[in-house]
Amino acid sequence: MIRTIVFDLNGVIFSTGHQIRQRLISEGFDSQKIYDAIHPHGIWAKKYISGDISYERYEQEVQILFPKEFRYVLSLYMHRHPLTFSRDFLLHQFIEPYQLEVNLSVYSQDQIEMLSLLPDLAKKYTLILFSGNMREGVMMLDQEFHYLQYFTSQIFSYDYGADKPSRKMFEALISSLPNSTNESLYIDDRDKNIEIGKSYGFHTVLVPPSPLDR
């Protein structure tokens, strides 16, 4: 029986930012500088996401890359869109295999926001957020969508000085669980994170890429 559901944030609840990076490049921004500044594996974004540098230092480095446009780049990048998934995926890959108590009949459309499922899920399961992310982006999204209230625990990279798929992050996640990993469902959009989750005993769901992130 599933008692806890662990959600990744970007790529599961909200878009990853790939479309935004592509938009900036199409507007004439240098692709390598965009990668260094805002790609999760870029030099400065990665250091900030992992808690190695402060936001002030991160902003300074982005300003060096984009002296006039750095605020535009950062504000655009930190904005995310709620992701939708097909009714078929949610039913056959997420709900039915784990006998989750979710009623999709209240949704008339075929594409359903994962965000919209959180209030109902939070009444029946412990929800945990597990994400490599930027603090400012997390807070900005919460101001708009008020999603953090549904999560009993929040494991963010910037609080642990490490990012997924590090052992430090997964050990922090396991320490936050109110039950065993074999009573927990872990949802992520990256194969490597899913495989490590399986090695710790989690049930897992790998979500498909959203059209927003292709």
Foldseek 3Di string as FASTA:
>chain_A
DAFEEEEEPDQAFWDPQQLVLVVVVVVPQDNLLSCLQQPCPHVLNVCQLQQVDDVVVSLVVLCVSPVPCSVVSVVSRLDIDTAWDFPVCCVPQPCVVLVDPFDPPVDPDGTDGPLVRLVVNLVRHAYEYQYRDHPVSVVVVCVVSVRVVSHPYYQGSSVQSGGPPDPSSVVVVCVPDPDAQLNYEYEDQDPVSQVVSVVRPHHYGHDHGGPSND
